[in-house]
Amino acid sequence: MSSCVQAPHALMIPYPLQGHVIPFVHLAIKLATKGFIITFINTQSVHHQISQANSAAHGEDIFTGARESGLDIRYATVSDGFPLGFDRSLHHDQFMESILKDFSGHVDEVVGEIVSRAKPPVSCLVADTFYVWPSVVAKKYGLVNISFWTEPALVLSLYYHLDILRKNGHFDNRKDTIDYIPGVRAIDPTDLMSYLQATDIWTVVHRIIYKAFDDVKRADIIVCNTVQELELETISALHQKQPTYAIGPIFPIGFTKSTVPTSLWSESDCTHWLNTRPNGSVLYVSFGSYAHTSQQDIVEIAHGLLLSGVGFVWVLRPDIVSSNDTNFLPVGFEENVKDRGVIVPWCSQIDVISHPAIGGFLTHCGWNSILESIWCGVPLLCIPLLTDQFTNRKLVVDDWKVGLNLCDKRPITREEVSNKINCIMCEKTSNELRKEIRKVRKTLEDALATDGSSQRNFNQFIEDVRVKVNK
């Protein structure tokens, strides 16, 4: 490549949460296959967790395997301001306060060091949209500012237009339908993200949201892990304000377990057990975060599983539920389900939901889980807990009709849980949902094809970056 048209060198910094790290890693690989030089920056804590959890992690660098295939992906870490032993889940607000106020200083220091010595020179920054500092860091070091949004465009647009929601009273007490957001069809306040439904609107997460979604309006480009055809009006309205490209779904190549370790917890292998089960007979249960699930809800879900008689794989994450404390489960639960259920602390979700034995997915409605489940043709049973999950549920159940609500109102009851599990696992309902899933899956496939919308948008995004870099 001539010296006047250098390969873009991008710094990539994901938010230090599992659901954000995964698509960032896959985007890094995708950009590297297009000739980008990538320097990927994880927090020291995330890197430590990945290294501890994955035997595939190569020493100090999780991207060693990717480089063996010829990709130029470099690796660095940055302090989040806390020692490795600090429990970030247990002290959530303290951790978030530091991300809001102090983390930018640590990032600035590391970026400055990399920029000063990198060859070829660093030319662009790809940072998570939830960060509050990208425009400042990008401007300081003369970098093209790319914001990577890892959730659906609907959620991005609602946050983006928070000022309009506030002006119209829907970020307060107004409860009627919202029908004035550009590119967003009518939506009920109960389908907004949890932080836009909260009564206390000055928590640390709210303050991060306010600052981050002011900062994103100064980005040169926004890229979204969604598909244009699924959110056409929303993406188009955002694109009119600033360049916004739908480039999803961003999966590992071939939708197999990534060659780059991304899991923050050790993964149990469920496939041997699943191999003994009939096709479509097993429910996969994973909420992602139990910190926002009451003990009573877990008890009712456990009883519902007992009553349903359905086989299941249930993920109980170790950082939320102590492996030594099973008092939250009904007495005798594990003994009663040992012949038809497996409880694991963590697993490779792609390996599990792509297995033919899986017939349904009881999920909190994280965006990665939704995209993966649609790709695998698995119907969703939805129990949103916080943040974007309520809005994601609307897309899954109301708009695309590829899933059901676990419960239509709180509190959760074991009878309703059992009934909904049997409903989603029964042949008639399952076939109806799978028919709709096949339509959405075809949309994903078409978007990723050589002439598909996501591929075209990805190529246009790269061209925009190259133009901005070479100016």
Protein backbone atom coordinates (compact mmCIF):
# COMPACT_ATOMS: atom_id res chain seq x y z
CA MET A 1 0.00 0.00 0.00
CA SER A 2 1.41 3.40 -0.91
CA SER A 3 2.52 5.77 1.82
CA CYS A 4 -0.18 8.28 0.86
CA VAL A 5 -2.98 5.72 1.34
CA GLN A 6 -2.10 4.02 4.60
CA ALA A 7 -4.15 1.29 6.18
CA PRO A 8 -6.36 2.77 8.90
CA HIS A 9 -5.05 2.00 12.39
CA ALA A 10 -7.97 1.86 14.83
CA LEU A 11 -7.97 1.84 18.61
CA MET A 12 -10.96 -0.16 19.88
CA ILE A 13 -12.21 0.18 23.46
CA PRO A 14 -15.27 -1.86 24.53
CA TYR A 15 -17.34 -1.15 27.61
CA PRO A 16 -16.12 -3.46 30.41
CA LEU A 17 -19.19 -5.72 30.39
CA GLN A 18 -19.56 -9.17 28.82
CA GLY A 19 -22.31 -8.22 26.38
CA HIS A 20 -20.19 -5.38 24.97
CA VAL A 21 -16.82 -7.16 24.79
CA ILE A 22 -18.19 -9.95 22.56
CA PRO A 23 -19.39 -7.83 19.59
CA PHE A 24 -16.33 -5.57 19.90
CA VAL A 25 -14.01 -8.57 19.48
CA HIS A 26 -15.94 -9.78 16.44
CA LEU A 27 -15.95 -6.29 14.90
CA ALA A 28 -12.19 -6.05 15.46
CA ILE A 29 -11.66 -9.29 13.54
CA LYS A 30 -13.99 -8.18 10.76
CA LEU A 31 -12.18 -4.85 10.37
CA ALA A 32 -8.80 -6.60 10.43
CA THR A 33 -9.88 -8.89 7.59
CA LYS A 34 -10.54 -5.70 5.58
CA GLY A 35 -6.98 -4.48 6.06
CA PHE A 36 -7.38 -2.40 9.22
CA ILE A 37 -4.66 -2.45 11.83
CA ILE A 38 -6.34 -2.86 15.21
CA THR A 39 -5.09 -2.06 18.68
CA PHE A 40 -7.68 -3.54 21.03
CA ILE A 41 -7.80 -2.17 24.59
CA ASN A 42 -9.52 -4.12 27.38
CA THR A 43 -9.58 -3.06 30.99
CA GLN A 44 -7.06 -4.94 33.09
CA SER A 45 -9.95 -6.47 35.04
CA VAL A 46 -11.72 -7.80 31.95
CA HIS A 47 -8.43 -9.14 30.58
CA HIS A 48 -7.69 -10.87 33.89
CA GLN A 49 -11.14 -12.47 33.98
CA ILE A 50 -10.86 -13.72 30.40
CA SER A 51 -7.38 -15.10 31.02
CA GLN A 52 -8.47 -16.84 34.21
CA ALA A 53 -11.59 -18.29 32.61
CA ASN A 54 -10.22 -19.45 29.28
CA SER A 55 -7.50 -22.00 28.83
CA ALA A 56 -7.44 -20.80 25.21
CA ALA A 57 -6.18 -17.36 26.31
CA HIS A 58 -2.57 -17.14 25.18
CA GLY A 59 -0.50 -15.66 27.96
CA GLU A 60 -0.79 -11.91 27.92
CA ASP A 61 -2.63 -11.58 24.60
CA ILE A 62 -6.09 -12.94 23.79
CA PHE A 63 -5.62 -12.19 20.06
CA THR A 64 -2.65 -14.51 19.51
CA GLY A 65 -4.82 -17.02 17.67
CA ALA A 66 -6.26 -14.32 15.39
CA ARG A 67 -2.77 -13.11 14.47
CA GLU A 68 -1.78 -16.63 13.51
CA SER A 69 -4.26 -16.30 10.65
CA GLY A 70 -2.44 -13.18 9.41
CA LEU A 71 -4.51 -10.43 11.04
CA ASP A 72 -2.73 -7.37 12.44
CA ILE A 73 -4.48 -7.07 15.81
CA ARG A 74 -2.43 -5.68 18.67
CA TYR A 75 -3.46 -5.71 22.30
CA ALA A 76 -3.23 -3.43 25.31
CA THR A 77 -4.90 -3.01 28.68
CA VAL A 78 -5.99 -0.02 30.72
CA SER A 79 -6.72 0.33 34.42
CA ASP A 80 -10.32 1.01 35.42
CA GLY A 81 -9.05 2.52 38.66
CA PHE A 82 -9.61 -0.49 40.92
CA PRO A 83 -7.45 -3.46 41.93
CA LEU A 84 -8.17 -6.80 40.24
CA GLY A 85 -9.71 -8.22 43.41
CA PHE A 86 -12.31 -5.46 43.68
CA ASP A 87 -15.84 -6.85 43.23
CA ARG A 88 -17.32 -4.64 40.52
CA SER A 89 -20.73 -6.34 40.61
CA LEU A 90 -21.10 -6.05 44.36
CA HIS A 91 -19.99 -2.39 44.31
CA HIS A 92 -21.77 -1.48 41.10
CA ASP A 93 -22.44 2.20 41.81
CA GLN A 94 -18.92 2.85 43.06
CA PHE A 95 -17.51 1.22 39.92
CA MET A 96 -19.83 3.21 37.65
CA GLU A 97 -18.91 6.49 39.39
CA SER A 98 -15.29 5.77 38.53
CA ILE A 99 -16.19 4.94 34.91
CA LEU A 100 -18.02 8.27 34.74
CA LYS A 101 -15.44 10.50 36.40
CA ASP A 102 -11.99 8.87 36.40
CA PHE A 103 -11.75 6.32 33.60
CA SER A 104 -11.17 8.92 30.88
CA GLY A 105 -7.87 9.89 32.55
CA HIS A 106 -6.61 6.30 32.42
CA VAL A 107 -7.72 6.00 28.79
CA ASP A 108 -6.06 9.29 27.87
CA GLU A 109 -2.76 8.08 29.33
CA VAL A 110 -2.81 4.74 27.49
CA VAL A 111 -4.00 6.25 24.20
CA GLY A 112 -1.28 8.90 24.44
CA GLU A 113 1.39 6.22 24.88
CA ILE A 114 0.10 4.16 21.95
CA VAL A 115 -0.27 7.18 19.65
CA SER A 116 3.28 8.33 20.42
CA ARG A 117 4.90 5.09 19.27
CA ALA A 118 2.46 3.33 16.94
CA LYS A 119 3.56 2.51 13.40
CA PRO A 120 1.68 3.10 11.23
CA PRO A 121 0.15 6.00 13.13
CA VAL A 122 -3.18 5.57 14.90
CA SER A 123 -5.87 7.22 12.80
CA CYS A 124 -9.24 6.39 14.37
CA LEU A 125 -10.95 5.54 17.63
CA VAL A 126 -13.77 2.98 17.89
CA ALA A 127 -15.34 3.39 21.32
CA ASP A 128 -18.51 2.10 22.93
CA THR A 129 -21.37 4.58 22.69
CA PHE A 130 -21.92 4.37 26.45
CA TYR A 131 -18.58 6.01 27.15
CA VAL A 132 -18.69 9.72 28.06
CA TRP A 133 -15.25 10.74 26.74
CA PRO A 134 -14.69 9.61 23.09
CA SER A 135 -15.10 13.04 21.45
CA VAL A 136 -12.56 14.62 23.81
CA VAL A 137 -9.95 11.87 23.36
CA ALA A 138 -10.48 11.70 19.58
CA LYS A 139 -10.11 15.47 19.22
CA LYS A 140 -7.00 15.60 21.40
CA TYR A 141 -5.16 13.01 19.30
CA GLY A 142 -6.63 13.92 15.91
CA LEU A 143 -8.52 10.64 15.47
CA VAL A 144 -11.64 9.84 13.46
CA ASN A 145 -14.33 9.32 16.11
CA ILE A 146 -16.37 6.13 15.52
CA SER A 147 -19.11 5.21 17.99
CA PHE A 148 -20.03 1.52 18.12
CA TRP A 149 -23.58 0.84 19.34
CA THR A 150 -23.98 -2.79 20.43
CA GLU A 151 -27.78 -2.76 20.87
CA PRO A 152 -30.78 -2.23 18.52
CA ALA A 153 -31.23 1.09 16.75
CA LEU A 154 -34.58 1.58 18.50
CA VAL A 155 -32.81 1.83 21.86
CA LEU A 156 -30.17 4.15 20.42
CA SER A 157 -32.84 6.46 19.02
CA LEU A 158 -34.78 6.64 22.28
CA TYR A 159 -31.65 7.61 24.20
CA TYR A 160 -30.56 9.93 21.39
CA HIS A 161 -33.86 11.83 21.62
CA LEU A 162 -34.00 11.98 25.39
CA ASP A 163 -34.37 15.74 25.19
CA ILE A 164 -37.62 15.33 23.23
CA LEU A 165 -38.94 12.76 25.72
CA ARG A 166 -38.15 15.16 28.53
CA LYS A 167 -39.80 18.10 26.74
CA ASN A 168 -42.99 16.07 26.21
CA GLY A 169 -43.13 14.82 29.79
CA HIS A 170 -42.46 11.15 29.01
CA PHE A 171 -39.30 11.25 31.07
CA ASP A 172 -41.44 12.11 34.07
CA ASN A 173 -45.01 11.00 34.78
CA ARG A 174 -46.71 11.00 31.39
CA LYS A 175 -48.01 7.48 30.60
CA ASP A 176 -49.69 7.74 27.17
CA THR A 177 -48.22 6.42 23.92
CA ILE A 178 -45.07 8.03 22.53
CA ASP A 179 -45.54 8.81 18.83
CA TYR A 180 -43.23 11.74 18.09
CA ILE A 181 -39.68 10.33 18.05
CA PRO A 182 -38.20 10.59 14.51
CA GLY A 183 -38.14 7.17 12.88
CA VAL A 184 -39.76 5.40 15.85
CA ARG A 185 -43.25 4.00 15.55
CA ALA A 186 -45.66 4.45 18.45
CA ILE A 187 -44.28 2.92 21.64
CA ASP A 188 -45.69 2.66 25.15
CA PRO A 189 -43.72 4.05 28.11
CA THR A 190 -43.63 0.53 29.61
CA ASP A 191 -41.52 -0.52 26.61
CA LEU A 192 -38.87 2.12 27.25
CA MET A 193 -35.52 1.12 28.73
CA SER A 194 -35.65 0.70 32.50
CA TYR A 195 -33.63 3.87 33.09
CA LEU A 196 -36.25 5.91 31.21
CA GLN A 197 -39.00 4.43 33.38
CA ALA A 198 -37.24 5.05 36.70
CA THR A 199 -38.47 7.54 39.29
CA ASP A 200 -34.93 8.36 40.48
CA ILE A 201 -33.35 9.89 37.38
CA TRP A 202 -30.08 11.04 38.95
CA THR A 203 -28.41 7.70 39.64
CA VAL A 204 -24.85 7.25 38.38
CA VAL A 205 -26.09 5.28 35.36
CA HIS A 206 -28.50 8.10 34.45
CA ARG A 207 -25.66 10.60 34.63
CA ILE A 208 -23.57 8.37 32.35
CA ILE A 209 -26.48 8.15 29.89
CA TYR A 210 -26.97 11.92 29.81
CA LYS A 211 -23.31 12.59 29.11
CA ALA A 212 -22.74 9.68 26.71
CA PHE A 213 -25.69 10.52 24.49
CA ASP A 214 -24.63 14.13 24.32
CA ASP A 215 -21.12 13.01 23.38
CA VAL A 216 -22.25 10.59 20.64
CA LYS A 217 -23.70 13.51 18.70
CA ARG A 218 -20.10 14.61 18.09
CA ALA A 219 -19.06 11.26 16.59
CA ASP A 220 -17.95 11.22 12.95
CA ILE A 221 -19.68 7.88 12.34
CA ILE A 222 -22.02 5.59 14.29
CA VAL A 223 -22.10 1.86 13.52
CA CYS A 224 -24.85 -0.36 14.93
CA ASN A 225 -25.04 -4.10 15.55
CA THR A 226 -28.42 -4.37 13.86
CA VAL A 227 -29.90 -4.99 10.40
CA GLN A 228 -31.22 -2.16 8.25
CA GLU A 229 -34.31 -4.02 7.05
CA LEU A 230 -35.38 -4.79 10.63
CA GLU A 231 -35.14 -1.14 11.74
CA LEU A 232 -35.24 0.77 8.47
CA GLU A 233 -37.17 3.85 9.59
CA THR A 234 -35.14 4.24 12.78
CA ILE A 235 -31.76 3.88 11.06
CA SER A 236 -32.82 6.26 8.27
CA ALA A 237 -33.89 8.96 10.73
CA LEU A 238 -30.61 8.69 12.65
CA HIS A 239 -28.62 8.73 9.42
CA GLN A 240 -30.17 12.07 8.52
CA LYS A 241 -28.60 13.56 11.64
CA GLN A 242 -25.13 11.97 11.28
CA PRO A 243 -23.66 9.00 9.38
CA THR A 244 -25.21 5.88 10.95
CA TYR A 245 -24.71 2.40 9.52
CA ALA A 246 -26.39 -0.90 10.38
CA ILE A 247 -23.66 -3.54 9.98
CA GLY A 248 -25.02 -6.44 12.02
CA PRO A 249 -25.41 -9.07 13.10
CA ILE A 250 -21.72 -9.14 14.06
CA PHE A 251 -21.06 -12.83 14.66
CA PRO A 252 -17.89 -14.91 14.72
CA ILE A 253 -17.05 -16.28 11.29
CA GLY A 254 -19.29 -19.24 10.50
CA PHE A 255 -21.27 -18.70 13.72
CA THR A 256 -18.98 -21.02 15.64
CA LYS A 257 -17.26 -20.42 18.94
CA SER A 258 -14.81 -17.56 18.46
CA THR A 259 -11.11 -18.29 18.15
CA VAL A 260 -10.57 -15.27 20.39
CA PRO A 261 -11.60 -15.96 24.00
CA THR A 262 -14.23 -13.50 25.21
CA SER A 263 -15.93 -15.23 28.13
CA LEU A 264 -15.43 -13.67 31.57
CA TRP A 265 -16.28 -16.99 33.27
CA SER A 266 -15.17 -20.59 32.80
CA GLU A 267 -17.51 -22.44 30.46
CA SER A 268 -19.07 -25.79 31.26
CA ASP A 269 -19.55 -28.18 28.34
CA CYS A 270 -23.22 -29.16 28.06
CA THR A 271 -23.03 -30.74 24.63
CA HIS A 272 -22.45 -34.33 25.84
CA TRP A 273 -25.64 -34.17 27.91
CA LEU A 274 -27.55 -32.45 25.11
CA ASN A 275 -26.52 -35.23 22.72
CA THR A 276 -28.62 -37.63 24.80
CA ARG A 277 -31.80 -35.56 24.48
CA PRO A 278 -34.39 -35.61 21.66
CA ASN A 279 -34.41 -32.74 19.19
CA GLY A 280 -36.30 -29.67 20.38
CA SER A 281 -36.95 -31.10 23.87
CA VAL A 282 -34.68 -28.89 26.03
CA LEU A 283 -35.27 -25.35 27.31
CA TYR A 284 -32.18 -23.16 27.70
CA VAL A 285 -32.49 -20.81 30.70
CA SER A 286 -30.08 -17.90 31.08
CA PHE A 287 -30.86 -14.44 32.48
CA GLY A 288 -27.38 -12.95 32.22
CA SER A 289 -27.58 -11.01 35.48
CA TYR A 290 -29.30 -12.28 38.60
CA ALA A 291 -28.50 -9.10 40.52
CA HIS A 292 -31.75 -7.67 39.18
CA THR A 293 -33.82 -10.83 39.74
CA SER A 294 -35.48 -11.25 43.12
CA GLN A 295 -34.94 -14.46 45.03
CA GLN A 296 -38.70 -15.00 44.92
CA ASP A 297 -38.68 -14.79 41.11
CA ILE A 298 -35.93 -17.41 40.94
CA VAL A 299 -37.89 -19.66 43.30
CA GLU A 300 -41.04 -19.34 41.17
CA ILE A 301 -39.12 -20.03 37.97
CA ALA A 302 -37.55 -23.10 39.58
CA HIS A 303 -40.99 -24.36 40.66
CA GLY A 304 -42.30 -23.61 37.17
CA LEU A 305 -39.54 -25.75 35.67
CA LEU A 306 -40.46 -28.54 38.08
CA LEU A 307 -44.14 -28.34 37.19
CA SER A 308 -43.52 -28.16 33.44
CA GLY A 309 -41.75 -31.51 33.20
CA VAL A 310 -39.53 -30.05 30.46
CA GLY A 311 -35.82 -30.82 30.18
CA PHE A 312 -33.54 -27.81 30.64
CA VAL A 313 -30.06 -26.31 30.86
CA TRP A 314 -30.06 -23.54 33.50
CA VAL A 315 -27.16 -21.10 33.74
CA LEU A 316 -26.60 -19.70 37.25
CA ARG A 317 -23.74 -17.24 36.90
CA PRO A 318 -21.05 -17.55 39.60
CA ASP A 319 -20.45 -13.84 40.20
CA ILE A 320 -24.11 -13.32 41.11
CA VAL A 321 -25.14 -16.56 42.77
CA SER A 322 -22.53 -18.10 45.07
CA SER A 323 -21.71 -21.65 44.07
CA ASN A 324 -21.84 -22.55 47.77
CA ASP A 325 -25.29 -21.07 48.34
CA THR A 326 -28.23 -22.90 46.77
CA ASN A 327 -30.77 -21.87 49.42
CA PHE A 328 -32.56 -19.76 46.82
CA LEU A 329 -33.65 -22.96 45.05
CA PRO A 330 -36.60 -24.99 46.38
CA VAL A 331 -35.71 -27.77 48.78
CA GLY A 332 -34.89 -30.91 46.82
CA PHE A 333 -34.93 -29.09 43.46
CA GLU A 334 -31.65 -30.45 42.14
CA GLU A 335 -32.51 -33.98 43.24
CA ASN A 336 -35.93 -33.80 41.58
CA VAL A 337 -34.61 -32.58 38.23
CA LYS A 338 -31.35 -34.51 38.00
CA ASP A 339 -32.70 -36.82 35.28
CA ARG A 340 -34.00 -34.02 33.06
CA GLY A 341 -32.08 -30.87 33.92
CA VAL A 342 -28.54 -29.54 34.10
CA ILE A 343 -27.47 -26.53 36.21
CA VAL A 344 -24.18 -24.91 35.16
CA PRO A 345 -22.42 -21.71 36.28
CA TRP A 346 -21.65 -20.67 32.67
CA CYS A 347 -21.43 -22.16 29.19
CA SER A 348 -20.74 -21.34 25.57
CA GLN A 349 -24.14 -19.99 24.57
CA ILE A 350 -23.49 -20.45 20.86
CA ASP A 351 -22.65 -24.13 21.41
CA VAL A 352 -25.83 -24.65 23.42
CA ILE A 353 -28.48 -22.81 21.40
CA SER A 354 -27.14 -24.13 18.10
CA HIS A 355 -27.64 -27.70 19.38
CA PRO A 356 -30.68 -29.46 17.85
CA ALA A 357 -31.90 -30.54 21.31
CA ILE A 358 -32.70 -26.93 22.24
CA GLY A 359 -36.36 -26.06 21.66
CA GLY A 360 -36.67 -22.73 23.46
CA PHE A 361 -34.68 -20.04 25.25
CA LEU A 362 -35.88 -18.41 28.50
CA THR A 363 -33.95 -15.16 28.33
CA HIS A 364 -33.58 -11.70 29.85
CA CYS A 365 -33.61 -10.34 26.26
CA GLY A 366 -30.02 -9.19 25.92
CA TRP A 367 -29.38 -8.13 22.33
CA ASN A 368 -26.61 -10.66 21.67
CA SER A 369 -28.87 -13.45 22.93
CA ILE A 370 -31.73 -12.34 20.69
CA LEU A 371 -29.61 -12.22 17.53
CA GLU A 372 -27.98 -15.57 18.30
CA SER A 373 -31.31 -17.22 19.07
CA ILE A 374 -32.88 -15.96 15.84
CA TRP A 375 -29.88 -17.21 13.87
CA CYS A 376 -30.33 -20.66 15.45
CA GLY A 377 -34.11 -20.68 14.94
CA VAL A 378 -34.86 -20.95 18.66
CA PRO A 379 -38.09 -19.34 20.01
CA LEU A 380 -37.65 -16.91 22.91
CA LEU A 381 -39.45 -16.81 26.26
CA CYS A 382 -38.86 -13.29 27.54
CA ILE A 383 -38.30 -11.98 31.06
CA PRO A 384 -36.64 -8.55 30.74
CA LEU A 385 -34.92 -7.32 33.88
CA LEU A 386 -33.29 -3.96 33.21
CA THR A 387 -31.84 -1.43 30.75
CA ASP A 388 -32.52 -2.18 27.03
CA GLN A 389 -34.17 -5.54 27.70
CA PHE A 390 -37.72 -4.14 27.98
CA THR A 391 -37.39 -2.46 24.58
CA ASN A 392 -35.77 -5.54 23.07
CA ARG A 393 -38.71 -7.59 24.33
CA LYS A 394 -41.06 -5.36 22.34
CA LEU A 395 -39.14 -6.13 19.15
CA VAL A 396 -39.13 -9.88 19.86
CA VAL A 397 -42.73 -10.38 21.00
CA ASP A 398 -44.78 -7.51 19.57
CA ASP A 399 -42.98 -6.58 16.33
CA TRP A 400 -41.27 -9.72 15.02
CA LYS A 401 -43.45 -12.29 16.85
CA VAL A 402 -40.57 -14.70 17.44
CA GLY A 403 -41.16 -15.09 21.18
CA LEU A 404 -43.59 -14.97 24.09
CA ASN A 405 -43.69 -13.10 27.39
CA LEU A 406 -42.83 -15.31 30.36
CA CYS A 407 -45.32 -13.39 32.46
CA ASP A 408 -47.73 -10.66 31.48
CA LYS A 409 -47.60 -9.02 34.91
CA ARG A 410 -45.72 -9.25 38.18
CA PRO A 411 -45.36 -11.03 40.49
CA ILE A 412 -44.22 -14.14 38.65
CA THR A 413 -46.15 -17.28 39.54
CA ARG A 414 -44.95 -20.84 39.12
CA GLU A 415 -48.20 -21.81 37.39
CA GLU A 416 -47.77 -19.17 34.70
CA VAL A 417 -44.10 -20.07 34.28
CA SER A 418 -45.00 -23.73 33.82
CA ASN A 419 -47.81 -22.90 31.38
CA LYS A 420 -45.61 -20.58 29.28
CA ILE A 421 -42.76 -23.10 29.19
CA ASN A 422 -45.11 -25.82 27.98
CA CYS A 423 -46.65 -23.39 25.51
CA ILE A 424 -43.35 -22.43 23.86
CA MET A 425 -42.16 -26.04 23.84
CA CYS A 426 -45.37 -27.50 22.41
CA GLU A 427 -45.29 -28.39 18.73
CA LYS A 428 -48.08 -26.07 17.58
CA THR A 429 -46.76 -22.87 19.20
CA SER A 430 -43.16 -23.76 18.49
CA ASN A 431 -43.90 -24.27 14.80
CA GLU A 432 -45.72 -20.93 14.60
CA LEU A 433 -42.84 -19.10 16.24
CA ARG A 434 -40.24 -20.91 14.17
CA LYS A 435 -42.07 -19.91 11.01
CA GLU A 436 -41.68 -16.24 11.98
CA ILE A 437 -38.09 -16.81 13.09
CA ARG A 438 -37.24 -18.24 9.68
CA LYS A 439 -38.43 -14.97 8.11
CA VAL A 440 -36.25 -12.86 10.40
CA ARG A 441 -33.31 -15.25 10.02
CA LYS A 442 -33.61 -14.88 6.23
CA THR A 443 -33.42 -11.11 6.70
CA LEU A 444 -30.18 -11.55 8.69
CA GLU A 445 -28.74 -13.91 6.09
CA ASP A 446 -29.63 -11.60 3.21
CA ALA A 447 -28.07 -8.63 5.02
CA LEU A 448 -24.77 -10.49 5.46
CA ALA A 449 -24.65 -11.69 1.84
CA THR A 450 -22.11 -10.16 -0.53
CA ASP A 451 -24.66 -7.68 -1.90
CA GLY A 452 -26.68 -7.48 1.34
CA SER A 453 -27.42 -4.28 3.25
CA SER A 454 -25.05 -4.95 6.16
CA GLN A 455 -22.21 -5.80 3.82
CA ARG A 456 -22.86 -2.71 1.69
CA ASN A 457 -23.10 -0.55 4.80
CA PHE A 458 -19.90 -2.05 6.17
CA ASN A 459 -18.08 -1.29 2.93
CA GLN A 460 -19.45 2.26 2.90
CA PHE A 461 -18.43 2.72 6.53
CA ILE A 462 -14.88 1.59 5.68
CA GLU A 463 -14.78 3.92 2.68
CA ASP A 464 -15.94 6.83 4.87
CA VAL A 465 -13.23 6.05 7.41
CA ARG A 466 -10.54 5.85 4.74
CA VAL A 467 -11.63 9.19 3.26
CA LYS A 468 -11.61 10.88 6.67
CA VAL A 469 -8.27 9.31 7.62
CA ASN A 470 -6.53 10.26 4.38
CA LYS A 471 -7.72 13.85 4.57
